[in-house]
Amino acid sequence: MFVFCIESSHSRGLGHLYRSLTLAEELRRRGRDIHFLVNDHETTLKIVKSRGFEFAIYDLGAPGGSWESAFVKTAKPPEVWVDDRLDTTFAHAASVVSAGARLVTFDDRGAGAELADINISALVFEGIDRLKGREVKSGIEYMILNPEIAHYRRARKTVNSILVTLGGADTHGVTVHVARWLQSKPVAVTVVTGPAFQHGEELYSELTKPVVASVEHLTGVPSMAQEMNRHDLAITGGGLTPFEAAASGLPSIVIANEIFEIPVGRALEELGFSRFAGHYRSVDFDTLSLDLPIEKMSQTALRRTNLNGSHRIADLLEALLR
């Protein structure tokens, strides 16, 4: 059995959850038994249920080593335990390993990574040499991106439509500030908010003001890959979304929602398919420009990204069982 241990909430965001679901679905296609361990968060539980995975609820904020064995005793013994929770503790990792599981972590700078068989750190762009784990995998080839994007890859040449998507939660309400800035721009704008978004009243107040631009607000979309296909530029946070946009040929302006997203934003700009606007607290919208070399950025995005990450990582996880 493959266990995915995920923390997901308004404050933590939903990125860890969606990444793990993509990988879990690849493993399920290969006939693997999957079980999720999640915190008690209504939106998260609905999403996991909708994907048809078995799950159990635990207080994942409890001290490491205080709850893991209880799960192991009540379930089929885990063969591979995947932590997508960032900084795990040594006590937690030791408890997992003592249960006989192979441990895999994502972007993990915590002490627990020392005991990981593999620390997959595609979103780490600074201090890679300091990452712990028996094996560390870094680089954008290990990005787990939505495979549906393969149907929507295309080059862009000009900006006629902008997509604003700041994550499933957008903890700090950055969407509101971006919507305010874009209202006066002579270009069509679509704002997409996710299932854990809690700034609806503020956003409604902005979007009901007289505007020059055409602004559409969607509260969730059936397919983000399909929605991205409608647009020529995306404004996103510094997680997986700008990489998924790039894989579809969609350039982006990246605003870091969290401090740890700042090096991601810088790396995206260096890769050539994004512009980094800075941390949301320091973004100067008065100087932020939409005048970008869209065609060059789009071509660079298509050339430098691929959708093989979930297959590549699934192969690594299955190899642990040999």
Protein backbone atom coordinates (compact mmCIF):
# COMPACT_ATOMS: atom_id res chain seq x y z
CA MET A 1 0.00 0.00 0.00
CA PHE A 2 1.11 3.56 -0.81
CA VAL A 3 0.22 6.11 1.88
CA PHE A 4 0.04 9.84 1.08
CA CYS A 5 0.24 12.03 4.18
CA ILE A 6 -0.96 15.56 3.34
CA GLU A 7 -1.66 18.80 5.19
CA SER A 8 -4.10 21.01 3.32
CA SER A 9 -6.10 24.03 4.50
CA HIS A 10 -6.84 27.70 3.92
CA SER A 11 -3.57 28.70 5.62
CA ARG A 12 -1.47 25.89 4.12
CA GLY A 13 -3.10 26.00 0.68
CA LEU A 14 -4.18 23.11 -1.54
CA GLY A 15 -1.07 22.73 -3.69
CA HIS A 16 0.32 19.78 -1.74
CA LEU A 17 -3.00 17.99 -2.06
CA TYR A 18 -3.37 18.46 -5.81
CA ARG A 19 0.24 17.42 -6.46
CA SER A 20 -0.21 14.24 -4.44
CA LEU A 21 -3.52 13.44 -6.11
CA THR A 22 -1.88 13.60 -9.55
CA LEU A 23 0.87 11.21 -8.45
CA ALA A 24 -1.61 8.95 -6.65
CA GLU A 25 -3.75 8.69 -9.77
CA GLU A 26 -0.71 7.64 -11.80
CA LEU A 27 0.07 4.93 -9.24
CA ARG A 28 -3.57 3.82 -9.18
CA ARG A 29 -3.47 3.41 -12.96
CA ARG A 30 -0.56 1.05 -12.36
CA GLY A 31 -2.70 -1.06 -10.03
CA ARG A 32 -1.30 0.22 -6.73
CA ASP A 33 -3.40 0.43 -3.55
CA ILE A 34 -3.58 4.05 -2.33
CA HIS A 35 -4.58 5.50 1.04
CA PHE A 36 -4.57 9.17 2.10
CA LEU A 37 -3.91 10.55 5.58
CA VAL A 38 -5.28 14.09 5.83
CA ASN A 39 -6.13 16.72 8.41
CA ASP A 40 -9.78 17.50 9.18
CA HIS A 41 -10.47 20.18 6.54
CA GLU A 42 -13.86 20.16 4.85
CA THR A 43 -12.72 21.23 1.38
CA THR A 44 -9.81 18.78 1.40
CA LEU A 45 -12.06 15.90 2.39
CA LYS A 46 -14.53 16.70 -0.40
CA ILE A 47 -11.74 16.74 -2.97
CA VAL A 48 -10.24 13.42 -1.82
CA LYS A 49 -13.69 11.80 -1.78
CA SER A 50 -14.44 13.08 -5.28
CA ARG A 51 -11.29 11.36 -6.58
CA GLY A 52 -12.38 8.04 -5.05
CA PHE A 53 -9.47 7.45 -2.66
CA GLU A 54 -9.61 5.79 0.75
CA PHE A 55 -8.60 8.17 3.54
CA ALA A 56 -8.30 8.61 7.28
CA ILE A 57 -8.32 11.82 9.32
CA TYR A 58 -5.55 12.52 11.81
CA ASP A 59 -4.24 15.51 13.74
CA LEU A 60 -1.15 15.92 11.59
CA GLY A 61 -0.05 18.83 13.76
CA ALA A 62 0.39 16.52 16.75
CA PRO A 63 3.94 15.71 17.85
CA GLY A 64 5.76 13.35 15.53
CA GLY A 65 5.66 9.74 16.69
CA SER A 66 2.42 10.22 18.63
CA TRP A 67 -0.10 9.06 16.03
CA GLU A 68 1.61 7.21 13.16
CA SER A 69 1.68 3.79 14.83
CA ALA A 70 -2.05 4.02 15.56
CA PHE A 71 -2.74 4.24 11.84
CA VAL A 72 -0.36 1.40 11.01
CA LYS A 73 -2.11 -0.86 13.53
CA THR A 74 -5.55 -0.27 12.03
CA ALA A 75 -4.67 -0.43 8.33
CA LYS A 76 -2.84 -2.57 5.82
CA PRO A 77 0.91 -2.13 6.45
CA PRO A 78 2.26 0.72 4.28
CA GLU A 79 4.98 -0.19 1.80
CA VAL A 80 5.75 3.38 0.74
CA TRP A 81 4.86 6.43 2.82
CA VAL A 82 4.79 9.76 0.95
CA ASP A 83 4.94 12.97 3.00
CA ASP A 84 3.93 16.16 1.18
CA ARG A 85 3.93 18.45 4.22
CA LEU A 86 7.22 20.36 3.81
CA ASP A 87 9.31 20.30 7.00
CA THR A 88 8.80 16.94 8.72
CA THR A 89 10.25 16.08 12.13
CA PHE A 90 12.80 13.38 12.89
CA ALA A 91 10.39 11.72 15.34
CA HIS A 92 7.72 11.45 12.66
CA ALA A 93 10.11 10.02 10.08
CA ALA A 94 11.53 7.55 12.60
CA SER A 95 8.02 6.33 13.43
CA VAL A 96 7.25 5.76 9.74
CA VAL A 97 10.50 3.93 9.09
CA SER A 98 10.09 1.76 12.21
CA ALA A 99 6.76 0.59 10.78
CA GLY A 100 8.68 -0.91 7.88
CA ALA A 101 7.71 1.68 5.24
CA ARG A 102 10.00 3.29 2.69
CA LEU A 103 9.79 7.05 3.19
CA VAL A 104 9.51 9.63 0.40
CA THR A 105 9.22 13.36 1.06
CA PHE A 106 8.62 16.44 -1.08
CA ASP A 107 10.53 19.73 -0.80
CA ASP A 108 11.45 18.71 2.74
CA ARG A 109 13.98 20.79 4.69
CA GLY A 110 13.00 19.32 8.06
CA ALA A 111 15.08 16.98 10.21
CA GLY A 112 12.86 14.07 9.13
CA ALA A 113 14.20 14.25 5.58
CA GLU A 114 17.41 12.66 6.85
CA LEU A 115 15.60 9.31 7.05
CA ALA A 116 13.87 9.62 3.67
CA ASP A 117 14.78 7.15 0.96
CA ILE A 118 14.04 9.91 -1.55
CA ASN A 119 13.56 13.66 -1.02
CA ILE A 120 11.96 14.97 -4.21
CA SER A 121 12.64 18.70 -4.30
CA ALA A 122 11.63 20.09 -7.67
CA LEU A 123 10.40 23.31 -6.05
CA VAL A 124 13.63 23.97 -4.16
CA PHE A 125 15.95 26.35 -6.01
CA GLU A 126 18.26 27.56 -3.24
CA GLY A 127 20.44 25.50 -0.90
CA ILE A 128 19.90 22.28 -2.82
CA ASP A 129 23.25 20.97 -1.56
CA ARG A 130 21.94 21.22 2.01
CA LEU A 131 18.89 19.03 1.41
CA LYS A 132 18.84 15.79 3.37
CA GLY A 133 17.80 12.31 2.31
CA ARG A 134 19.46 9.12 1.11
CA GLU A 135 18.70 10.33 -2.40
CA VAL A 136 17.70 13.87 -3.44
CA LYS A 137 15.96 14.52 -6.75
CA SER A 138 15.87 18.15 -7.86
CA GLY A 139 15.15 19.92 -11.12
CA ILE A 140 11.99 20.82 -13.01
CA GLU A 141 11.92 17.38 -14.65
CA TYR A 142 10.53 16.17 -11.31
CA MET A 143 7.58 18.59 -11.36
CA ILE A 144 4.28 16.74 -11.01
CA LEU A 145 1.99 18.52 -13.45
CA ASN A 146 -1.55 17.87 -14.59
CA PRO A 147 -1.34 15.35 -17.48
CA GLU A 148 -4.46 16.86 -19.06
CA ILE A 149 -2.28 19.80 -20.15
CA ALA A 150 -0.97 17.62 -22.99
CA HIS A 151 -4.22 18.31 -24.88
CA TYR A 152 -3.83 22.09 -24.65
CA ARG A 153 -0.19 22.93 -25.44
CA ARG A 154 0.03 25.89 -27.83
CA ALA A 155 2.17 28.94 -28.49
CA ARG A 156 1.00 32.48 -27.66
CA LYS A 157 1.96 35.62 -29.57
CA THR A 158 0.08 38.55 -28.01
CA VAL A 159 -1.93 39.28 -24.86
CA ASN A 160 -5.66 39.48 -25.49
CA SER A 161 -6.81 37.67 -22.35
CA ILE A 162 -5.37 37.33 -18.85
CA LEU A 163 -6.02 34.56 -16.33
CA VAL A 164 -5.69 35.35 -12.61
CA THR A 165 -5.33 32.24 -10.46
CA LEU A 166 -3.63 32.55 -7.06
CA GLY A 167 -4.30 29.05 -5.74
CA GLY A 168 -7.09 27.01 -4.25
CA ALA A 169 -6.96 29.03 -1.03
CA ASP A 170 -5.12 32.31 -1.77
CA THR A 171 -4.52 32.67 1.96
CA HIS A 172 -3.66 36.38 1.87
CA GLY A 173 -6.28 37.52 -0.65
CA VAL A 174 -3.74 38.58 -3.28
CA THR A 175 -6.42 38.05 -5.93
CA VAL A 176 -8.22 41.16 -4.66
CA HIS A 177 -5.15 43.37 -5.20
CA VAL A 178 -4.51 41.94 -8.66
CA ALA A 179 -8.15 42.43 -9.69
CA ARG A 180 -7.99 46.05 -8.54
CA TRP A 181 -4.87 46.63 -10.66
CA LEU A 182 -6.28 44.97 -13.78
CA GLN A 183 -9.64 46.76 -13.79
CA SER A 184 -8.26 49.69 -15.78
CA LYS A 185 -6.39 47.56 -18.33
CA PRO A 186 -7.85 47.33 -21.86
CA VAL A 187 -7.74 43.55 -21.94
CA ALA A 188 -10.15 40.75 -21.03
CA VAL A 189 -9.53 39.32 -17.56
CA THR A 190 -10.77 36.11 -15.96
CA VAL A 191 -10.36 35.67 -12.21
CA VAL A 192 -10.57 32.10 -10.95
CA THR A 193 -10.88 31.47 -7.20
CA GLY A 194 -10.54 28.04 -5.63
CA PRO A 195 -12.60 25.99 -3.19
CA ALA A 196 -10.83 27.30 -0.06
CA PHE A 197 -10.94 31.01 -1.02
CA GLN A 198 -12.21 33.14 1.89
CA HIS A 199 -12.01 36.68 0.49
CA GLY A 200 -15.19 36.60 -1.57
CA GLU A 201 -16.75 39.78 -0.19
CA GLU A 202 -13.61 41.86 -0.81
CA LEU A 203 -13.31 40.52 -4.34
CA TYR A 204 -16.99 41.13 -5.07
CA SER A 205 -16.57 44.73 -3.90
CA GLU A 206 -13.75 45.23 -6.41
CA LEU A 207 -15.43 43.48 -9.31
CA THR A 208 -18.70 45.40 -8.98
CA LYS A 209 -17.00 48.79 -9.40
CA PRO A 210 -17.20 50.55 -12.80
CA VAL A 211 -14.33 49.17 -14.87
CA VAL A 212 -12.73 49.63 -18.25
CA ALA A 213 -11.58 46.08 -18.70
CA SER A 214 -13.89 43.09 -18.99
CA VAL A 215 -13.52 41.04 -15.80
CA GLU A 216 -15.06 37.59 -15.45
CA HIS A 217 -15.09 35.79 -12.09
CA LEU A 218 -15.28 32.00 -11.94
CA THR A 219 -15.54 30.22 -8.60
CA GLY A 220 -13.72 27.09 -9.56
CA VAL A 221 -13.49 25.52 -13.00
CA PRO A 222 -13.99 21.89 -14.09
CA SER A 223 -10.59 21.86 -15.80
CA MET A 224 -7.82 24.35 -15.08
CA ALA A 225 -5.88 23.02 -18.07
CA GLN A 226 -8.80 23.82 -20.33
CA GLU A 227 -9.24 27.24 -18.71
CA MET A 228 -5.58 28.08 -19.23
CA ASN A 229 -6.00 27.32 -22.91
CA ARG A 230 -8.35 30.32 -23.24
CA HIS A 231 -5.73 32.86 -22.18
CA ASP A 232 -2.44 34.43 -23.25
CA LEU A 233 -0.93 35.42 -19.89
CA ALA A 234 -1.44 34.12 -16.34
CA ILE A 235 -0.92 35.87 -13.01
CA THR A 236 -0.16 33.22 -10.40
CA GLY A 237 1.50 32.43 -7.09
CA GLY A 238 4.90 30.79 -6.78
CA GLY A 239 3.86 27.15 -6.55
CA LEU A 240 3.12 24.55 -9.22
CA THR A 241 0.63 26.68 -11.16
CA PRO A 242 3.17 28.76 -13.14
CA PHE A 243 4.92 25.53 -14.16
CA GLU A 244 1.62 24.04 -15.31
CA ALA A 245 0.94 27.25 -17.22
CA ALA A 246 4.38 27.04 -18.83
CA ALA A 247 3.78 23.43 -19.84
CA SER A 248 0.74 24.62 -21.78
CA GLY A 249 2.71 27.47 -23.40
CA LEU A 250 1.15 30.12 -21.17
CA PRO A 251 3.62 32.75 -19.85
CA SER A 252 3.06 34.15 -16.36
CA ILE A 253 3.62 36.98 -13.94
CA VAL A 254 4.41 35.42 -10.57
CA ILE A 255 3.60 36.95 -7.19
CA ALA A 256 5.01 35.12 -4.17
CA ASN A 257 2.27 34.45 -1.62
CA GLU A 258 4.76 33.13 0.93
CA ILE A 259 8.43 33.88 1.69
CA PHE A 260 9.51 30.42 0.53
CA GLU A 261 7.99 31.17 -2.89
CA ILE A 262 10.43 34.03 -3.52
CA PRO A 263 13.29 31.81 -4.79
CA VAL A 264 10.74 29.92 -6.92
CA GLY A 265 9.65 33.19 -8.51
CA ARG A 266 13.25 34.15 -9.21
CA ALA A 267 13.95 30.75 -10.75
CA LEU A 268 10.88 31.02 -12.97
CA GLU A 269 12.12 34.33 -14.33
CA GLU A 270 15.58 32.85 -14.96
CA LEU A 271 13.95 29.98 -16.85
CA GLY A 272 12.60 32.59 -19.25
CA PHE A 273 8.87 31.98 -19.24
CA SER A 274 7.77 34.12 -16.27
CA ARG A 275 8.27 37.57 -14.79
CA PHE A 276 8.69 37.72 -11.02
CA ALA A 277 6.83 40.64 -9.45
CA GLY A 278 8.07 40.00 -5.91
CA HIS A 279 6.46 39.10 -2.60
CA TYR A 280 2.83 40.19 -2.38
CA ARG A 281 3.58 42.64 0.45
CA SER A 282 6.10 44.53 -1.67
CA VAL A 283 4.62 44.39 -5.18
CA ASP A 284 4.47 47.85 -6.77
CA PHE A 285 1.50 47.58 -9.11
CA ASP A 286 2.14 51.11 -10.40
CA THR A 287 5.35 49.92 -12.06
CA LEU A 288 4.21 46.40 -12.98
CA SER A 289 3.89 46.11 -16.75
CA LEU A 290 1.98 43.84 -19.10
CA ASP A 291 4.36 44.73 -21.90
CA LEU A 292 6.18 41.40 -22.14
CA PRO A 293 7.84 39.42 -24.98
CA ILE A 294 4.94 36.97 -24.94
CA GLU A 295 5.88 35.03 -28.07
CA LYS A 296 9.44 34.41 -26.88
CA MET A 297 8.29 33.51 -23.37
CA SER A 298 5.69 31.09 -24.71
CA GLN A 299 8.14 29.33 -27.01
CA THR A 300 10.65 29.04 -24.18
CA ALA A 301 7.98 27.56 -21.92
CA LEU A 302 7.03 24.89 -24.43
CA ARG A 303 10.66 24.02 -25.08
CA ARG A 304 11.78 23.77 -21.44
CA THR A 305 8.86 21.93 -19.83
CA ASN A 306 7.32 18.48 -20.15
CA LEU A 307 4.65 16.41 -18.47
CA ASN A 308 6.71 13.33 -17.59
CA GLY A 309 7.26 14.16 -13.90
CA SER A 310 4.49 11.99 -12.47
CA HIS A 311 5.64 9.00 -14.54
CA ARG A 312 9.27 9.56 -13.56
CA ILE A 313 8.45 9.76 -9.84
CA ALA A 314 6.04 6.81 -9.94
CA ASP A 315 8.89 4.76 -11.41
CA LEU A 316 11.14 5.82 -8.52
CA LEU A 317 8.52 4.90 -5.93
CA GLU A 318 7.86 1.50 -7.45
CA ALA A 319 11.60 0.83 -7.64
CA LEU A 320 11.73 1.10 -3.82
CA LEU A 321 9.73 -2.12 -3.63
CA ARG A 322 12.18 -4.20 -5.64
